[in-house]
Amino acid sequence: MGIIRSSFPFIAGTVCGIYIAQNYHVPNIRKLAYSAIFRAKEVEEKYRKPKKTSEEDE
């Protein structure tokens, strides 16, 4: 009885997740994460300070 009681929230969450994924438009989290990382890299490259040349260092 203990294993059923302890695993019930996991099983219920899995069943609800499957139902929601099949019946509603759920965004692809992996695709959203990759696009956010890509945007962050673009912003970082755009606003990065220019590298100093060897002439400026001397």
N, C-alpha and C. Protein backbone atom coordinates (compact mmCIF):
# COMPACT_ATOMS: atom_id res chain seq x y z
N MET A 1 0.83 -1.20 0.00
CA MET A 1 0.00 0.00 0.00
C MET A 1 0.87 1.25 0.00
N GLY A 2 2.06 1.17 0.58
CA GLY A 2 2.93 2.33 0.68
C GLY A 2 3.46 2.80 -0.65
N ILE A 3 3.82 1.84 -1.54
CA ILE A 3 4.37 2.23 -2.83
C ILE A 3 3.30 2.89 -3.71
N ILE A 4 2.08 2.43 -3.60
CA ILE A 4 0.99 3.04 -4.38
C ILE A 4 0.72 4.44 -3.87
N ARG A 5 0.69 4.61 -2.57
CA ARG A 5 0.42 5.92 -1.98
C ARG A 5 1.56 6.91 -2.28
N SER A 6 2.80 6.43 -2.27
CA SER A 6 3.92 7.34 -2.50
C SER A 6 4.10 7.68 -3.98
N SER A 7 3.69 6.81 -4.89
CA SER A 7 3.86 7.08 -6.32
C SER A 7 2.61 7.68 -6.96
N PHE A 8 1.53 7.85 -6.22
CA PHE A 8 0.30 8.40 -6.79
C PHE A 8 0.49 9.80 -7.39
N PRO A 9 1.16 10.75 -6.70
CA PRO A 9 1.34 12.07 -7.31
C PRO A 9 2.12 12.02 -8.63
N PHE A 10 3.11 11.17 -8.71
CA PHE A 10 3.88 11.03 -9.94
C PHE A 10 3.02 10.49 -11.07
N ILE A 11 2.25 9.46 -10.80
CA ILE A 11 1.39 8.86 -11.82
C ILE A 11 0.31 9.85 -12.24
N ALA A 12 -0.30 10.53 -11.30
CA ALA A 12 -1.35 11.51 -11.62
C ALA A 12 -0.77 12.65 -12.44
N GLY A 13 0.41 13.12 -12.11
CA GLY A 13 1.05 14.19 -12.88
C GLY A 13 1.39 13.76 -14.29
N THR A 14 1.85 12.54 -14.44
CA THR A 14 2.16 12.01 -15.76
C THR A 14 0.90 11.92 -16.62
N VAL A 15 -0.17 11.40 -16.05
CA VAL A 15 -1.44 11.28 -16.80
C VAL A 15 -1.96 12.65 -17.18
N CYS A 16 -1.93 13.60 -16.26
CA CYS A 16 -2.40 14.96 -16.56
C CYS A 16 -1.51 15.62 -17.62
N GLY A 17 -0.22 15.41 -17.55
CA GLY A 17 0.70 15.96 -18.54
C GLY A 17 0.46 15.41 -19.93
N ILE A 18 0.21 14.13 -20.01
CA ILE A 18 -0.09 13.51 -21.31
C ILE A 18 -1.38 14.07 -21.88
N TYR A 19 -2.40 14.21 -21.04
CA TYR A 19 -3.69 14.74 -21.48
C TYR A 19 -3.53 16.17 -22.00
N ILE A 20 -2.82 17.00 -21.24
CA ILE A 20 -2.64 18.40 -21.63
C ILE A 20 -1.83 18.50 -22.92
N ALA A 21 -0.77 17.70 -23.07
CA ALA A 21 0.06 17.74 -24.27
C ALA A 21 -0.72 17.32 -25.51
N GLN A 22 -1.66 16.41 -25.35
CA GLN A 22 -2.42 15.93 -26.50
C GLN A 22 -3.56 16.86 -26.88
N ASN A 23 -4.12 17.58 -25.92
CA ASN A 23 -5.33 18.35 -26.19
C ASN A 23 -5.14 19.86 -26.25
N TYR A 24 -3.97 20.36 -25.89
CA TYR A 24 -3.73 21.79 -25.90
C TYR A 24 -2.41 22.07 -26.61
N HIS A 25 -2.27 23.30 -27.09
CA HIS A 25 -1.03 23.69 -27.78
C HIS A 25 0.01 24.05 -26.72
N VAL A 26 0.95 23.14 -26.51
CA VAL A 26 2.00 23.34 -25.52
C VAL A 26 3.28 23.64 -26.28
N PRO A 27 3.97 24.75 -25.98
CA PRO A 27 5.18 25.08 -26.72
C PRO A 27 6.31 24.08 -26.43
N ASN A 28 7.18 23.94 -27.42
CA ASN A 28 8.34 23.06 -27.28
C ASN A 28 9.39 23.79 -26.45
N ILE A 29 9.62 23.35 -25.24
CA ILE A 29 10.53 24.03 -24.31
C ILE A 29 11.97 24.01 -24.84
N ARG A 30 12.39 22.93 -25.43
CA ARG A 30 13.75 22.86 -25.97
C ARG A 30 13.97 23.90 -27.06
N LYS A 31 12.98 24.06 -27.95
CA LYS A 31 13.08 25.04 -29.02
C LYS A 31 13.11 26.46 -28.44
N LEU A 32 12.30 26.73 -27.43
CA LEU A 32 12.31 28.04 -26.79
C LEU A 32 13.65 28.32 -26.11
N ALA A 33 14.22 27.32 -25.48
CA ALA A 33 15.51 27.50 -24.81
C ALA A 33 16.61 27.78 -25.82
N TYR A 34 16.63 27.04 -26.92
CA TYR A 34 17.66 27.28 -27.94
C TYR A 34 17.52 28.67 -28.56
N SER A 35 16.30 29.11 -28.81
CA SER A 35 16.12 30.44 -29.39
C SER A 35 16.51 31.52 -28.39
N ALA A 36 16.27 31.32 -27.09
CA ALA A 36 16.68 32.29 -26.09
C ALA A 36 18.21 32.37 -26.00
N ILE A 37 18.88 31.23 -26.05
CA ILE A 37 20.34 31.23 -26.01
C ILE A 37 20.90 31.90 -27.26
N PHE A 38 20.31 31.64 -28.41
CA PHE A 38 20.76 32.26 -29.65
C PHE A 38 20.61 33.77 -29.58
N ARG A 39 19.47 34.25 -29.06
CA ARG A 39 19.25 35.70 -28.92
C ARG A 39 20.26 36.31 -27.95
N ALA A 40 20.54 35.61 -26.86
CA ALA A 40 21.50 36.12 -25.87
C ALA A 40 22.89 36.23 -26.49
N LYS A 41 23.27 35.25 -27.30
CA LYS A 41 24.57 35.32 -27.97
C LYS A 41 24.63 36.48 -28.95
N GLU A 42 23.53 36.71 -29.68
CA GLU A 42 23.50 37.84 -30.61
C GLU A 42 23.67 39.17 -29.87
N VAL A 43 22.96 39.34 -28.77
CA VAL A 43 23.04 40.57 -27.99
C VAL A 43 24.45 40.74 -27.42
N GLU A 44 25.02 39.65 -26.94
CA GLU A 44 26.36 39.70 -26.36
C GLU A 44 27.39 40.11 -27.41
N GLU A 45 27.27 39.56 -28.63
CA GLU A 45 28.21 39.92 -29.69
C GLU A 45 28.00 41.36 -30.15
N LYS A 46 26.78 41.81 -30.15
CA LYS A 46 26.49 43.17 -30.60
C LYS A 46 27.04 44.22 -29.63
N TYR A 47 26.94 43.98 -28.34
CA TYR A 47 27.34 44.97 -27.35
C TYR A 47 28.69 44.67 -26.70
N ARG A 48 29.42 43.72 -27.21
CA ARG A 48 30.73 43.39 -26.67
C ARG A 48 31.72 44.52 -26.96
N LYS A 49 32.58 44.80 -26.00
CA LYS A 49 33.61 45.81 -26.21
C LYS A 49 34.58 45.28 -27.25
N PRO A 50 35.06 46.17 -28.12
CA PRO A 50 36.02 45.70 -29.12
C PRO A 50 37.34 45.29 -28.45
N LYS A 51 37.97 44.30 -29.02
CA LYS A 51 39.24 43.83 -28.47
C LYS A 51 40.33 44.86 -28.77
N LYS A 52 41.23 45.01 -27.81
CA LYS A 52 42.34 45.94 -28.01
C LYS A 52 43.35 45.31 -28.95
N THR A 53 43.92 46.13 -29.82
CA THR A 53 44.97 45.65 -30.69
C THR A 53 46.30 45.76 -29.97
N SER A 54 47.34 45.18 -30.52
CA SER A 54 48.65 45.19 -29.88
C SER A 54 49.23 46.60 -29.86
N GLU A 55 48.86 47.45 -30.81
CA GLU A 55 49.36 48.82 -30.86
C GLU A 55 48.81 49.64 -29.70
N GLU A 56 47.57 49.41 -29.32
CA GLU A 56 46.96 50.16 -28.23
C GLU A 56 47.53 49.71 -26.88
N ASP A 57 47.97 48.47 -26.77
CA ASP A 57 48.49 47.95 -25.51
C ASP A 57 49.84 48.58 -25.18
N GLU A 58 50.62 48.95 -26.18
CA GLU A 58 51.96 49.46 -25.94
C GLU A 58 51.99 50.90 -25.65
